[in-house]
């Protein structure tokens, strides 16, 4: 059981108190997370392949990096920590561009996960050799062209974490920013 401490919010994203992430998930308490979408000038998105033994969506391709925001850090600090932990990339706060805040409730067996998800875009021109993946969560990472990803999501959706329309929203947003 994790002892990760997160801030708890009301349904309007106003701070209430602190609690463990386990309690937040067990009791369905609102907390914050961050999604980081890393793309490059070539119109490619960095995606990660989740480990085969993950509790949720094992062996599925997912967005670049994601995680919960700890109670002792700012949103941007939490986002940067997750990118560093998962990908070994030491980025700075000005590398992050807040796209929007997504209010959502995800339900899994034994978990109620109401989140305010802060979605960040990161334009970064790097080689895959610069990435050091976190072995216990990730199997692999790769850059994929936005067009190829869009087609593969339509033709082979079971290869991916089911973000559904969110995938296409982000692909379109990144394409707009590249033009």
Protein backbone atom coordinates (compact mmCIF):
# COMPACT_ATOMS: atom_id res chain seq x y z
CA UNK A 1 0.00 0.00 0.00
CA UNK A 2 1.38 3.36 -1.01
CA UNK A 3 1.77 6.09 1.55
CA UNK A 4 1.87 8.79 -1.10
CA UNK A 5 0.17 11.92 0.28
CA UNK A 6 -1.94 14.04 -2.06
CA UNK A 7 -3.97 17.19 -1.64
CA UNK A 8 -7.74 16.66 -1.60
CA UNK A 9 -10.07 19.11 -3.36
CA UNK A 10 -13.78 19.69 -3.64
CA UNK A 11 -15.57 19.22 -6.97
CA UNK A 12 -14.69 22.84 -7.85
CA UNK A 13 -10.94 22.23 -7.41
CA UNK A 14 -10.73 24.09 -4.09
CA UNK A 15 -8.29 22.69 -1.52
CA UNK A 16 -9.84 20.82 1.42
CA UNK A 17 -7.12 18.78 3.16
CA UNK A 18 -4.49 16.08 2.65
CA UNK A 19 -4.84 12.31 2.60
CA UNK A 20 -3.12 9.23 1.25
CA UNK A 21 -3.53 8.39 -2.41
CA UNK A 22 -4.92 5.03 -1.31
CA UNK A 23 -7.70 6.75 0.65
CA UNK A 24 -8.36 9.17 -2.21
CA UNK A 25 -8.89 6.19 -4.52
CA UNK A 26 -10.83 4.11 -1.99
CA UNK A 27 -13.17 6.94 -0.97
CA UNK A 28 -13.41 8.68 -4.34
CA UNK A 29 -11.80 11.95 -3.22
CA UNK A 30 -10.89 14.60 -5.79
CA UNK A 31 -7.13 15.02 -6.30
CA UNK A 32 -4.77 16.25 -9.02
CA UNK A 33 -2.74 14.53 -11.69
CA UNK A 34 -0.69 15.61 -14.68
CA UNK A 35 -0.40 14.31 -18.24
CA UNK A 36 2.64 15.27 -20.27
CA UNK A 37 2.50 14.99 -24.06
CA UNK A 38 6.02 15.23 -25.51
CA UNK A 39 6.31 15.96 -29.23
CA UNK A 40 8.98 17.16 -31.63
CA UNK A 41 9.36 19.39 -34.69
CA UNK A 42 9.01 16.35 -36.98
CA UNK A 43 5.38 15.89 -35.91
CA UNK A 44 6.08 12.87 -33.75
CA UNK A 45 4.69 12.05 -30.31
CA UNK A 46 6.66 10.18 -27.66
CA UNK A 47 4.58 7.27 -26.35
CA UNK A 48 5.36 4.67 -23.68
CA UNK A 49 4.60 0.95 -23.51
CA UNK A 50 3.36 0.02 -20.04
CA UNK A 51 4.84 -3.03 -18.31
CA UNK A 52 3.09 -6.39 -18.66
CA UNK A 53 2.43 -6.67 -14.91
CA UNK A 54 0.83 -3.25 -14.38
CA UNK A 55 -2.54 -3.33 -12.58
CA UNK A 56 -4.22 -1.17 -15.20
CA UNK A 57 -3.73 -1.36 -18.95
CA UNK A 58 -0.72 -3.69 -18.94
CA UNK A 59 1.20 -4.02 -22.19
CA UNK A 60 -0.60 -1.02 -23.77
CA UNK A 61 0.85 2.08 -25.40
CA UNK A 62 0.12 5.29 -23.51
CA UNK A 63 0.86 9.02 -23.64
CA UNK A 64 4.39 10.27 -22.91
CA UNK A 65 4.20 10.52 -19.11
CA UNK A 66 1.58 10.85 -16.37
CA UNK A 67 1.15 10.72 -12.61
CA UNK A 68 -0.36 12.11 -9.45
CA UNK A 69 0.72 15.39 -7.87
CA UNK A 70 2.12 14.95 -4.35
CA UNK A 71 0.93 17.24 -1.55
CA UNK A 72 4.35 18.85 -1.08
CA UNK A 73 4.86 19.96 -4.68
CA UNK A 74 3.42 22.42 -7.17
CA UNK A 75 1.66 21.18 -10.28
CA UNK A 76 4.70 21.88 -12.45
CA UNK A 77 7.08 20.28 -9.95
CA UNK A 78 4.92 17.14 -9.97
CA UNK A 79 4.79 17.07 -13.76
CA UNK A 80 8.57 17.45 -14.01
CA UNK A 81 9.12 14.78 -11.34
CA UNK A 82 6.98 12.29 -13.27
CA UNK A 83 8.85 12.96 -16.53
CA UNK A 84 12.16 12.49 -14.72
CA UNK A 85 11.05 9.32 -12.89
CA UNK A 86 9.53 7.65 -15.95
CA UNK A 87 11.81 8.90 -18.74
CA UNK A 88 14.97 10.18 -17.05
CA UNK A 89 14.55 13.60 -18.68
CA UNK A 90 15.57 16.56 -16.51
CA UNK A 91 13.29 19.29 -17.84
CA UNK A 92 12.60 22.80 -16.54
CA UNK A 93 9.31 24.49 -15.68
CA UNK A 94 9.44 26.65 -18.80
CA UNK A 95 9.46 23.45 -20.92
CA UNK A 96 5.84 22.85 -19.83
CA UNK A 97 2.91 24.52 -21.59
CA UNK A 98 -0.42 24.06 -19.83
CA UNK A 99 -3.02 23.10 -22.42
CA UNK A 100 -6.08 22.66 -20.20
CA UNK A 101 -7.46 21.08 -17.03
CA UNK A 102 -9.60 17.99 -17.54
CA UNK A 103 -12.09 17.07 -14.82
CA UNK A 104 -12.80 13.35 -14.95
CA UNK A 105 -13.76 10.33 -12.88
CA UNK A 106 -12.20 6.99 -13.77
CA UNK A 107 -13.45 3.82 -12.12
CA UNK A 108 -11.47 0.60 -11.87
CA UNK A 109 -12.07 -2.48 -9.71
CA UNK A 110 -11.65 -1.23 -6.13
CA UNK A 111 -10.71 2.30 -7.19
CA UNK A 112 -12.75 5.47 -7.68
CA UNK A 113 -10.43 8.02 -9.26
CA UNK A 114 -11.88 11.55 -9.50
CA UNK A 115 -9.13 13.80 -10.84
CA UNK A 116 -8.38 17.26 -11.99
CA UNK A 117 -5.88 16.35 -14.69
CA UNK A 118 -3.50 19.12 -15.75
CA UNK A 119 -2.52 18.50 -19.36
CA UNK A 120 0.89 19.80 -20.41
CA UNK A 121 2.43 19.96 -23.86
CA UNK A 122 6.21 19.69 -24.15
CA UNK A 123 7.94 20.42 -27.44
CA UNK A 124 11.27 18.63 -27.23
CA UNK A 125 13.69 17.61 -29.95
CA UNK A 126 15.66 14.71 -28.49
CA UNK A 127 16.97 11.31 -29.50
CA UNK A 128 15.54 8.17 -27.94
CA UNK A 129 19.04 7.43 -26.62
CA UNK A 130 18.61 10.37 -24.21
CA UNK A 131 15.70 8.62 -22.50
CA UNK A 132 16.27 6.29 -19.55
CA UNK A 133 13.01 4.44 -18.94
CA UNK A 134 11.76 3.38 -15.53
CA UNK A 135 11.87 -0.41 -15.91
CA UNK A 136 9.24 -1.33 -13.33
CA UNK A 137 6.51 0.73 -15.06
CA UNK A 138 7.64 0.90 -18.69
CA UNK A 139 8.83 -1.63 -21.26
CA UNK A 140 9.66 0.77 -24.06
CA UNK A 141 9.20 4.22 -25.55
CA UNK A 142 9.09 5.36 -29.15
CA UNK A 143 8.38 8.36 -31.30
CA UNK A 144 5.46 7.86 -33.67
CA UNK A 145 4.24 10.30 -36.30
CA UNK A 146 0.94 11.92 -35.41
CA UNK A 147 -0.61 10.63 -38.65
CA UNK A 148 0.57 7.06 -38.03
CA UNK A 149 -0.69 7.20 -34.45
CA UNK A 150 -4.07 8.50 -35.57
CA UNK A 151 -4.41 5.68 -38.11
CA UNK A 152 -3.22 3.01 -35.67
CA UNK A 153 -5.66 4.21 -32.99
CA UNK A 154 -8.48 3.77 -35.49
CA UNK A 155 -7.31 0.41 -36.85
CA UNK A 156 -5.76 -1.20 -33.74
CA UNK A 157 -7.34 0.50 -30.70
CA UNK A 158 -6.64 -2.44 -28.37
CA UNK A 159 -2.89 -1.70 -28.54
CA UNK A 160 -3.48 1.55 -26.64
CA UNK A 161 -4.74 2.72 -23.26
CA UNK A 162 -8.39 3.59 -24.01
CA UNK A 163 -8.24 7.37 -23.78
CA UNK A 164 -10.79 7.37 -26.62
CA UNK A 165 -11.50 10.89 -27.96
CA UNK A 166 -8.78 12.37 -25.74
CA UNK A 167 -6.11 10.78 -27.99
CA UNK A 168 -7.57 12.52 -31.06
CA UNK A 169 -8.05 15.83 -29.25
CA UNK A 170 -4.37 15.88 -28.33
CA UNK A 171 -3.19 14.77 -31.78
CA UNK A 172 -5.19 17.61 -33.33
CA UNK A 173 -3.95 20.14 -30.78
CA UNK A 174 -0.31 19.21 -31.40
CA UNK A 175 -0.84 19.39 -35.18
CA UNK A 176 -2.26 22.92 -34.76
CA UNK A 177 0.77 23.97 -32.72
CA UNK A 178 3.16 22.64 -35.36
CA UNK A 179 1.55 24.68 -38.16
